[in-house]
């Protein structure tokens, strides 16, 4: 009697490991996660400028990992899940803790409530995004708009009182009540149904593309020489574009509604 077990053939339906191409964008996502966690570490030691810089750097990495994945054709469900988990830590938990240790701990009850509201709102936003990512007929997505303020942008906006405090040294910007109200407001913007502009909607006309290149170059120079003032300016411009996005989406909806009514009348 032969007790040897015959070798098994290749198992079907078992997912293979990550390809070498997929390691690159996922490694960038992991680096963004590490940057966000490092921001918390800097906040614990009281180096709040470095804490903010670490979270901003995490946002830069988050902005390029998806593009690199598409460029390498290395998109995967694993990468999408990792990106969402990293975003929750870097742009939800990290900013909430940094702001709590910077200002909100002076009013611990209200301050912790505000920090929790922001962190939970970011988790809810990311969960909503994951639930809708496979919905090709999502109306705002079809029109090229986003729903609410994206998580990295929300983290950057949440730090606006810190930017202003860094450049002015005025105590009013670190007032815990002001910071808490601002943090809750950004949390509500993140989970709102407000249509916001996406990168696909920001397409300059051919006649001004050289001017756009000039502006981008000047922004990079400003970010190097005056990073906090530059971040203040970016926040102000983005906040000013929120009503512009809402108006633009309303126009798109009216145009689509008119087209549908004309098709119904023609039939």
C-alpha atoms as a PDB file:
ATOM      1  CA  UNK A   1       0.000   0.000   0.000  1.00  0.00           C
ATOM      2  CA  UNK A   2       1.436   3.321  -1.066  1.00  0.00           C
ATOM      3  CA  UNK A   3       1.145   5.932   1.711  1.00  0.00           C
ATOM      4  CA  UNK A   4       2.634   8.732  -0.378  1.00  0.00           C
ATOM      5  CA  UNK A   5       0.290  11.622  -1.039  1.00  0.00           C
ATOM      6  CA  UNK A   6       0.272  12.553  -4.698  1.00  0.00           C
ATOM      7  CA  UNK A   7       1.396  16.096  -5.397  1.00  0.00           C
ATOM      8  CA  UNK A   8      -1.424  18.547  -5.764  1.00  0.00           C
ATOM      9  CA  UNK A   9      -1.922  20.428  -8.957  1.00  0.00           C
ATOM     10  CA  UNK A  10      -2.196  24.200  -9.085  1.00  0.00           C
ATOM     11  CA  UNK A  11      -5.116  25.441  -7.021  1.00  0.00           C
ATOM     12  CA  UNK A  12      -7.618  27.331  -9.040  1.00  0.00           C
ATOM     13  CA  UNK A  13      -9.279  30.490  -7.793  1.00  0.00           C
ATOM     14  CA  UNK A  14      -6.540  31.298  -5.296  1.00  0.00           C
ATOM     15  CA  UNK A  15      -5.370  34.910  -5.746  1.00  0.00           C
ATOM     16  CA  UNK A  16      -1.706  35.284  -6.574  1.00  0.00           C
ATOM     17  CA  UNK A  17       0.633  37.544  -4.671  1.00  0.00           C
ATOM     18  CA  UNK A  18       1.276  41.139  -5.637  1.00  0.00           C
ATOM     19  CA  UNK A  19       3.209  41.643  -8.838  1.00  0.00           C
ATOM     20  CA  UNK A  20       6.431  43.621  -8.847  1.00  0.00           C
ATOM     21  CA  UNK A  21       4.653  46.498 -10.586  1.00  0.00           C
ATOM     22  CA  UNK A  22       1.989  46.582  -7.867  1.00  0.00           C
ATOM     23  CA  UNK A  23       4.629  46.861  -5.145  1.00  0.00           C
ATOM     24  CA  UNK A  24       5.638  50.368  -6.250  1.00  0.00           C
ATOM     25  CA  UNK A  25       2.315  52.215  -5.701  1.00  0.00           C
ATOM     26  CA  UNK A  26       1.555  50.175  -2.588  1.00  0.00           C
ATOM     27  CA  UNK A  27       4.977  51.031  -1.161  1.00  0.00           C
ATOM     28  CA  UNK A  28       4.198  54.720  -1.753  1.00  0.00           C
ATOM     29  CA  UNK A  29       0.864  54.273   0.044  1.00  0.00           C
ATOM     30  CA  UNK A  30       2.673  52.629   2.971  1.00  0.00           C
ATOM     31  CA  UNK A  31       5.109  55.551   3.016  1.00  0.00           C
ATOM     32  CA  UNK A  32       2.159  57.962   3.197  1.00  0.00           C
ATOM     33  CA  UNK A  33       0.810  55.990   6.160  1.00  0.00           C
ATOM     34  CA  UNK A  34       4.196  56.187   7.887  1.00  0.00           C
ATOM     35  CA  UNK A  35       4.325  59.944   7.253  1.00  0.00           C
ATOM     36  CA  UNK A  36       0.912  60.432   8.849  1.00  0.00           C
ATOM     37  CA  UNK A  37       1.895  58.396  11.898  1.00  0.00           C
ATOM     38  CA  UNK A  38       5.171  60.321  12.133  1.00  0.00           C
ATOM     39  CA  UNK A  39       3.113  63.507  12.271  1.00  0.00           C
ATOM     40  CA  UNK A  40       1.515  62.176  15.462  1.00  0.00           C
ATOM     41  CA  UNK A  41       4.969  61.427  16.865  1.00  0.00           C
ATOM     42  CA  UNK A  42       6.122  65.027  16.190  1.00  0.00           C
ATOM     43  CA  UNK A  43       2.968  66.363  17.869  1.00  0.00           C
ATOM     44  CA  UNK A  44       3.664  64.259  20.973  1.00  0.00           C
ATOM     45  CA  UNK A  45       7.113  65.842  21.262  1.00  0.00           C
ATOM     46  CA  UNK A  46       5.678  69.336  20.699  1.00  0.00           C
ATOM     47  CA  UNK A  47       7.179  69.944  17.241  1.00  0.00           C
ATOM     48  CA  UNK A  48       3.927  71.009  15.606  1.00  0.00           C
ATOM     49  CA  UNK A  49       5.468  72.499  12.473  1.00  0.00           C
ATOM     50  CA  UNK A  50       7.050  69.169  11.631  1.00  0.00           C
ATOM     51  CA  UNK A  51       3.788  67.411  12.550  1.00  0.00           C
ATOM     52  CA  UNK A  52       1.875  69.460   9.995  1.00  0.00           C
ATOM     53  CA  UNK A  53       4.637  69.043   7.427  1.00  0.00           C
ATOM     54  CA  UNK A  54       4.529  65.238   7.864  1.00  0.00           C
ATOM     55  CA  UNK A  55       0.783  65.115   7.223  1.00  0.00           C
ATOM     56  CA  UNK A  56       1.132  67.429   4.197  1.00  0.00           C
ATOM     57  CA  UNK A  57       3.871  65.143   2.861  1.00  0.00           C
ATOM     58  CA  UNK A  58       1.498  62.198   3.327  1.00  0.00           C
ATOM     59  CA  UNK A  59      -0.995  64.093   1.176  1.00  0.00           C
ATOM     60  CA  UNK A  60       1.601  64.559  -1.562  1.00  0.00           C
ATOM     61  CA  UNK A  61       2.361  60.832  -1.549  1.00  0.00           C
ATOM     62  CA  UNK A  62      -1.352  60.029  -1.581  1.00  0.00           C
ATOM     63  CA  UNK A  63      -1.734  62.194  -4.661  1.00  0.00           C
ATOM     64  CA  UNK A  64       0.825  60.257  -6.670  1.00  0.00           C
ATOM     65  CA  UNK A  65       0.320  56.622  -5.650  1.00  0.00           C
ATOM     66  CA  UNK A  66      -2.914  56.219  -7.605  1.00  0.00           C
ATOM     67  CA  UNK A  67      -1.487  57.920 -10.666  1.00  0.00           C
ATOM     68  CA  UNK A  68       1.574  55.696 -10.587  1.00  0.00           C
ATOM     69  CA  UNK A  69      -0.669  52.633 -10.226  1.00  0.00           C
ATOM     70  CA  UNK A  70      -2.631  53.674 -13.332  1.00  0.00           C
ATOM     71  CA  UNK A  71       0.568  54.494 -15.203  1.00  0.00           C
ATOM     72  CA  UNK A  72       2.011  51.044 -14.432  1.00  0.00           C
ATOM     73  CA  UNK A  73      -1.399  49.388 -14.921  1.00  0.00           C
ATOM     74  CA  UNK A  74      -1.017  47.992 -11.407  1.00  0.00           C
ATOM     75  CA  UNK A  75      -4.435  48.805  -9.927  1.00  0.00           C
ATOM     76  CA  UNK A  76      -5.655  46.164  -7.506  1.00  0.00           C
ATOM     77  CA  UNK A  77      -8.348  45.661  -4.892  1.00  0.00           C
ATOM     78  CA  UNK A  78      -5.579  45.265  -2.298  1.00  0.00           C
ATOM     79  CA  UNK A  79      -4.137  48.637  -3.255  1.00  0.00           C
ATOM     80  CA  UNK A  80      -7.529  50.336  -3.031  1.00  0.00           C
ATOM     81  CA  UNK A  81      -8.148  48.909   0.443  1.00  0.00           C
ATOM     82  CA  UNK A  82      -4.641  49.824   1.634  1.00  0.00           C
ATOM     83  CA  UNK A  83      -5.046  53.356   0.290  1.00  0.00           C
ATOM     84  CA  UNK A  84      -8.348  53.794   2.116  1.00  0.00           C
ATOM     85  CA  UNK A  85      -6.931  52.529   5.427  1.00  0.00           C
ATOM     86  CA  UNK A  86      -3.852  54.743   5.076  1.00  0.00           C
ATOM     87  CA  UNK A  87      -6.035  57.773   4.301  1.00  0.00           C
ATOM     88  CA  UNK A  88      -8.117  57.149   7.404  1.00  0.00           C
ATOM     89  CA  UNK A  89      -5.015  57.278   9.598  1.00  0.00           C
ATOM     90  CA  UNK A  90      -3.091  60.044   7.810  1.00  0.00           C
ATOM     91  CA  UNK A  91      -5.985  62.412   7.104  1.00  0.00           C
ATOM     92  CA  UNK A  92      -8.476  61.489   9.820  1.00  0.00           C
ATOM     93  CA  UNK A  93      -6.753  60.262  12.962  1.00  0.00           C
ATOM     94  CA  UNK A  94      -3.461  62.152  12.598  1.00  0.00           C
ATOM     95  CA  UNK A  95      -4.901  65.671  12.063  1.00  0.00           C
ATOM     96  CA  UNK A  96      -7.420  65.139  14.878  1.00  0.00           C
ATOM     97  CA  UNK A  97      -4.681  64.157  17.344  1.00  0.00           C
ATOM     98  CA  UNK A  98      -2.285  66.871  16.179  1.00  0.00           C
ATOM     99  CA  UNK A  99      -4.916  69.582  16.618  1.00  0.00           C
ATOM    100  CA  UNK A 100      -5.997  68.145  19.973  1.00  0.00           C
ATOM    101  CA  UNK A 101      -2.452  68.220  21.332  1.00  0.00           C
ATOM    102  CA  UNK A 102      -1.828  71.671  19.828  1.00  0.00           C
ATOM    103  CA  UNK A 103      -4.931  73.480  21.100  1.00  0.00           C
ATOM    104  CA  UNK A 104      -8.032  71.415  21.826  1.00  0.00           C
ATOM    105  CA  UNK A 105      -6.699  69.772  24.984  1.00  0.00           C
ATOM    106  CA  UNK A 106      -7.146  73.110  26.755  1.00  0.00           C
ATOM    107  CA  UNK A 107     -10.898  72.398  26.673  1.00  0.00           C
ATOM    108  CA  UNK A 108     -10.722  68.601  26.913  1.00  0.00           C
ATOM    109  CA  UNK A 109     -14.422  67.757  26.734  1.00  0.00           C
ATOM    110  CA  UNK A 110     -15.357  69.956  23.781  1.00  0.00           C
ATOM    111  CA  UNK A 111     -11.919  69.535  22.213  1.00  0.00           C
ATOM    112  CA  UNK A 112     -12.063  65.752  22.254  1.00  0.00           C
ATOM    113  CA  UNK A 113     -15.595  65.842  20.850  1.00  0.00           C
ATOM    114  CA  UNK A 114     -14.388  68.009  17.962  1.00  0.00           C
ATOM    115  CA  UNK A 115     -11.402  65.728  17.323  1.00  0.00           C
ATOM    116  CA  UNK A 116     -13.645  62.650  17.382  1.00  0.00           C
ATOM    117  CA  UNK A 117     -16.127  64.309  15.029  1.00  0.00           C
ATOM    118  CA  UNK A 118     -13.374  64.979  12.495  1.00  0.00           C
ATOM    119  CA  UNK A 119     -11.807  61.505  12.707  1.00  0.00           C
ATOM    120  CA  UNK A 120     -15.161  59.710  12.465  1.00  0.00           C
ATOM    121  CA  UNK A 121     -16.323  61.968   9.615  1.00  0.00           C
ATOM    122  CA  UNK A 122     -13.220  61.077   7.602  1.00  0.00           C
ATOM    123  CA  UNK A 123     -13.841  57.367   8.219  1.00  0.00           C
ATOM    124  CA  UNK A 124     -17.458  57.779   7.081  1.00  0.00           C
ATOM    125  CA  UNK A 125     -16.370  59.676   3.984  1.00  0.00           C
ATOM    126  CA  UNK A 126     -13.881  56.988   2.992  1.00  0.00           C
ATOM    127  CA  UNK A 127     -16.465  54.259   3.623  1.00  0.00           C
ATOM    128  CA  UNK A 128     -18.939  56.096   1.383  1.00  0.00           C
ATOM    129  CA  UNK A 129     -16.288  56.427  -1.311  1.00  0.00           C
ATOM    130  CA  UNK A 130     -15.490  52.712  -1.151  1.00  0.00           C
ATOM    131  CA  UNK A 131     -19.196  51.861  -1.401  1.00  0.00           C
ATOM    132  CA  UNK A 132     -19.665  54.053  -4.470  1.00  0.00           C
ATOM    133  CA  UNK A 133     -16.384  53.350  -6.267  1.00  0.00           C
ATOM    134  CA  UNK A 134     -17.935  50.491  -8.249  1.00  0.00           C
ATOM    135  CA  UNK A 135     -21.019  52.518  -9.222  1.00  0.00           C
ATOM    136  CA  UNK A 136     -20.396  53.780 -12.769  1.00  0.00           C
ATOM    137  CA  UNK A 137     -23.753  55.588 -12.823  1.00  0.00           C
ATOM    138  CA  UNK A 138     -23.040  57.754  -9.768  1.00  0.00           C
ATOM    139  CA  UNK A 139     -24.287  61.159 -11.045  1.00  0.00           C
ATOM    140  CA  UNK A 140     -21.529  63.394  -9.680  1.00  0.00           C
ATOM    141  CA  UNK A 141     -18.841  60.959 -10.804  1.00  0.00           C
ATOM    142  CA  UNK A 142     -20.305  60.869 -14.313  1.00  0.00           C
ATOM    143  CA  UNK A 143     -20.234  64.666 -14.446  1.00  0.00           C
ATOM    144  CA  UNK A 144     -16.606  64.785 -13.265  1.00  0.00           C
ATOM    145  CA  UNK A 145     -17.323  66.123  -9.770  1.00  0.00           C
ATOM    146  CA  UNK A 146     -16.526  64.855  -6.284  1.00  0.00           C
ATOM    147  CA  UNK A 147     -18.980  64.509  -3.413  1.00  0.00           C
ATOM    148  CA  UNK A 148     -17.856  66.530  -0.417  1.00  0.00           C
ATOM    149  CA  UNK A 149     -14.311  67.598   0.400  1.00  0.00           C
ATOM    150  CA  UNK A 150     -11.693  64.856  -0.240  1.00  0.00           C
ATOM    151  CA  UNK A 151      -9.898  63.474   2.807  1.00  0.00           C
ATOM    152  CA  UNK A 152      -6.403  64.893   2.028  1.00  0.00           C
ATOM    153  CA  UNK A 153      -7.893  68.308   1.270  1.00  0.00           C
ATOM    154  CA  UNK A 154      -9.969  68.133   4.445  1.00  0.00           C
ATOM    155  CA  UNK A 155      -6.836  67.473   6.480  1.00  0.00           C
ATOM    156  CA  UNK A 156      -5.102  70.437   4.863  1.00  0.00           C
ATOM    157  CA  UNK A 157      -8.077  72.713   5.536  1.00  0.00           C
ATOM    158  CA  UNK A 158      -8.295  71.525   9.152  1.00  0.00           C
ATOM    159  CA  UNK A 159      -4.762  72.836   9.734  1.00  0.00           C
ATOM    160  CA  UNK A 160      -5.638  76.376   8.560  1.00  0.00           C
ATOM    161  CA  UNK A 161      -5.636  77.813  12.137  1.00  0.00           C
ATOM    162  CA  UNK A 162      -2.165  76.331  12.621  1.00  0.00           C
ATOM    163  CA  UNK A 163      -0.861  77.908   9.394  1.00  0.00           C
ATOM    164  CA  UNK A 164      -2.183  81.300  10.509  1.00  0.00           C
ATOM    165  CA  UNK A 165      -0.679  80.850  13.970  1.00  0.00           C
ATOM    166  CA  UNK A 166       2.710  79.987  12.480  1.00  0.00           C
ATOM    167  CA  UNK A 167       2.837  83.156  10.352  1.00  0.00           C
ATOM    168  CA  UNK A 168       1.287  85.647  12.794  1.00  0.00           C
ATOM    169  CA  UNK A 169       1.914  84.342  16.336  1.00  0.00           C
ATOM    170  CA  UNK A 170      -1.540  85.638  17.291  1.00  0.00           C
ATOM    171  CA  UNK A 171      -3.121  83.725  20.161  1.00  0.00           C
ATOM    172  CA  UNK A 172      -6.595  83.994  18.630  1.00  0.00           C
ATOM    173  CA  UNK A 173      -5.788  81.358  15.985  1.00  0.00           C
ATOM    174  CA  UNK A 174      -4.931  78.787  18.664  1.00  0.00           C
ATOM    175  CA  UNK A 175      -8.101  79.467  20.645  1.00  0.00           C
ATOM    176  CA  UNK A 176      -9.487  75.977  21.324  1.00  0.00           C
ATOM    177  CA  UNK A 177     -13.120  77.022  20.821  1.00  0.00           C
ATOM    178  CA  UNK A 178     -12.311  78.545  17.428  1.00  0.00           C
ATOM    179  CA  UNK A 179     -10.211  75.535  16.416  1.00  0.00           C
ATOM    180  CA  UNK A 180     -12.925  73.099  17.553  1.00  0.00           C
ATOM    181  CA  UNK A 181     -15.692  74.852  15.638  1.00  0.00           C
ATOM    182  CA  UNK A 182     -13.484  75.005  12.542  1.00  0.00           C
ATOM    183  CA  UNK A 183     -12.646  71.300  12.827  1.00  0.00           C
ATOM    184  CA  UNK A 184     -16.311  70.324  13.083  1.00  0.00           C
ATOM    185  CA  UNK A 185     -17.130  72.538  10.087  1.00  0.00           C
ATOM    186  CA  UNK A 186     -14.512  70.774   7.949  1.00  0.00           C
ATOM    187  CA  UNK A 187     -15.838  67.411   9.151  1.00  0.00           C
ATOM    188  CA  UNK A 188     -19.321  68.369   7.942  1.00  0.00           C
ATOM    189  CA  UNK A 189     -17.921  69.478   4.576  1.00  0.00           C
ATOM    190  CA  UNK A 190     -16.179  66.117   4.200  1.00  0.00           C
ATOM    191  CA  UNK A 191     -19.350  64.066   4.650  1.00  0.00           C
ATOM    192  CA  UNK A 192     -21.671  66.500   2.887  1.00  0.00           C
ATOM    193  CA  UNK A 193     -23.305  65.853  -0.486  1.00  0.00           C
ATOM    194  CA  UNK A 194     -21.904  69.120  -1.786  1.00  0.00           C
ATOM    195  CA  UNK A 195     -20.457  68.709  -5.310  1.00  0.00           C
ATOM    196  CA  UNK A 196     -16.837  69.847  -5.432  1.00  0.00           C
ATOM    197  CA  UNK A 197     -14.463  70.295  -8.337  1.00  0.00           C
ATOM    198  CA  UNK A 198     -12.122  67.444  -9.225  1.00  0.00           C
ATOM    199  CA  UNK A 199      -8.827  67.630 -11.109  1.00  0.00           C
ATOM    200  CA  UNK A 200     -10.618  66.494 -14.275  1.00  0.00           C
ATOM    201  CA  UNK A 201     -12.729  69.674 -14.186  1.00  0.00           C
ATOM    202  CA  UNK A 202      -9.708  71.969 -13.865  1.00  0.00           C
ATOM    203  CA  UNK A 203      -8.634  71.945 -17.491  1.00  0.00           C
ATOM    204  CA  UNK A 204      -7.204  75.288 -18.610  1.00  0.00           C
ATOM    205  CA  UNK A 205      -7.841  76.507 -22.129  1.00  0.00           C
ATOM    206  CA  UNK A 206      -5.020  76.112 -24.641  1.00  0.00           C
ATOM    207  CA  UNK A 207      -4.626  79.877 -24.842  1.00  0.00           C
ATOM    208  CA  UNK A 208      -3.551  80.198 -21.180  1.00  0.00           C
ATOM    209  CA  UNK A 209      -1.570  77.017 -20.594  1.00  0.00           C
ATOM    210  CA  UNK A 210       1.764  78.844 -20.576  1.00  0.00           C
ATOM    211  CA  UNK A 211       0.381  81.188 -17.918  1.00  0.00           C
ATOM    212  CA  UNK A 212      -0.729  78.156 -15.881  1.00  0.00           C
ATOM    213  CA  UNK A 213       2.795  76.732 -16.048  1.00  0.00           C
ATOM    214  CA  UNK A 214       4.131  80.076 -14.817  1.00  0.00           C
ATOM    215  CA  UNK A 215       1.674  80.138 -11.893  1.00  0.00           C
ATOM    216  CA  UNK A 216       2.567  76.577 -10.896  1.00  0.00           C
ATOM    217  CA  UNK A 217       6.271  77.427 -10.978  1.00  0.00           C
ATOM    218  CA  UNK A 218       5.710  80.486  -8.798  1.00  0.00           C
ATOM    219  CA  UNK A 219       3.617  78.410  -6.370  1.00  0.00           C
ATOM    220  CA  UNK A 220       6.459  75.912  -5.992  1.00  0.00           C
ATOM    221  CA  UNK A 221       8.900  78.756  -5.327  1.00  0.00           C
ATOM    222  CA  UNK A 222       6.489  80.257  -2.793  1.00  0.00           C
ATOM    223  CA  UNK A 223       6.051  76.878  -1.089  1.00  0.00           C
ATOM    224  CA  UNK A 224       9.815  76.656  -0.644  1.00  0.00           C
ATOM    225  CA  UNK A 225      10.332  80.208   0.629  1.00  0.00           C
ATOM    226  CA  UNK A 226       7.035  80.844   2.474  1.00  0.00           C
ATOM    227  CA  UNK A 227       5.370  77.445   3.002  1.00  0.00           C
ATOM    228  CA  UNK A 228       2.789  78.524   5.597  1.00  0.00           C
ATOM    229  CA  UNK A 229       1.591  81.571   3.689  1.00  0.00           C
ATOM    230  CA  UNK A 230       1.387  79.419   0.568  1.00  0.00           C
ATOM    231  CA  UNK A 231      -0.781  76.878   2.384  1.00  0.00           C
ATOM    232  CA  UNK A 232      -3.008  79.685   3.659  1.00  0.00           C
ATOM    233  CA  UNK A 233      -3.435  80.910   0.090  1.00  0.00           C
ATOM    234  CA  UNK A 234      -4.233  77.411  -1.198  1.00  0.00           C
ATOM    235  CA  UNK A 235      -6.872  76.965   1.511  1.00  0.00           C
ATOM    236  CA  UNK A 236      -8.492  80.316   0.703  1.00  0.00           C
ATOM    237  CA  UNK A 237      -8.587  79.541  -3.017  1.00  0.00           C
ATOM    238  CA  UNK A 238     -10.070  76.080  -2.435  1.00  0.00           C
ATOM    239  CA  UNK A 239     -12.751  77.427  -0.100  1.00  0.00           C
ATOM    240  CA  UNK A 240     -13.611  80.064  -2.705  1.00  0.00           C
ATOM    241  CA  UNK A 241     -13.962  77.330  -5.363  1.00  0.00           C
ATOM    242  CA  UNK A 242     -16.526  75.339  -3.328  1.00  0.00           C
ATOM    243  CA  UNK A 243     -19.502  77.536  -4.383  1.00  0.00           C
ATOM    244  CA  UNK A 244     -18.091  77.611  -7.913  1.00  0.00           C
ATOM    245  CA  UNK A 245     -18.248  73.801  -8.012  1.00  0.00           C
ATOM    246  CA  UNK A 246     -21.822  73.805  -6.720  1.00  0.00           C
ATOM    247  CA  UNK A 247     -22.909  76.321  -9.367  1.00  0.00           C
ATOM    248  CA  UNK A 248     -21.100  74.416 -12.132  1.00  0.00           C
ATOM    249  CA  UNK A 249     -22.760  71.140 -11.128  1.00  0.00           C
ATOM    250  CA  UNK A 250     -26.182  72.802 -11.045  1.00  0.00           C
ATOM    251  CA  UNK A 251     -25.596  73.941 -14.635  1.00  0.00           C
ATOM    252  CA  UNK A 252     -24.599  70.427 -15.663  1.00  0.00           C
ATOM    253  CA  UNK A 253     -27.737  68.989 -14.061  1.00  0.00           C
ATOM    254  CA  UNK A 254     -29.953  71.523 -15.838  1.00  0.00           C
ATOM    255  CA  UNK A 255     -28.286  70.763 -19.166  1.00  0.00           C
ATOM    256  CA  UNK A 256     -28.742  67.016 -18.668  1.00  0.00           C
ATOM    257  CA  UNK A 257     -32.364  67.515 -17.600  1.00  0.00           C
ATOM    258  CA  UNK A 258     -33.084  69.605 -20.709  1.00  0.00           C
ATOM    259  CA  UNK A 259     -31.459  66.989 -22.926  1.00  0.00           C
ATOM    260  CA  UNK A 260     -33.515  64.187 -21.360  1.00  0.00           C
ATOM    261  CA  UNK A 261     -36.743  66.173 -21.770  1.00  0.00           C
ATOM    262  CA  UNK A 262     -35.913  66.829 -25.436  1.00  0.00           C
ATOM    263  CA  UNK A 263     -35.305  63.116 -26.002  1.00  0.00           C
ATOM    264  CA  UNK A 264     -38.647  62.292 -24.379  1.00  0.00           C
ATOM    265  CA  UNK A 265     -40.431  64.843 -26.533  1.00  0.00           C
ATOM    266  CA  UNK A 266     -38.742  63.513 -29.677  1.00  0.00           C
ATOM    267  CA  UNK A 267     -39.832  59.967 -28.901  1.00  0.00           C
END
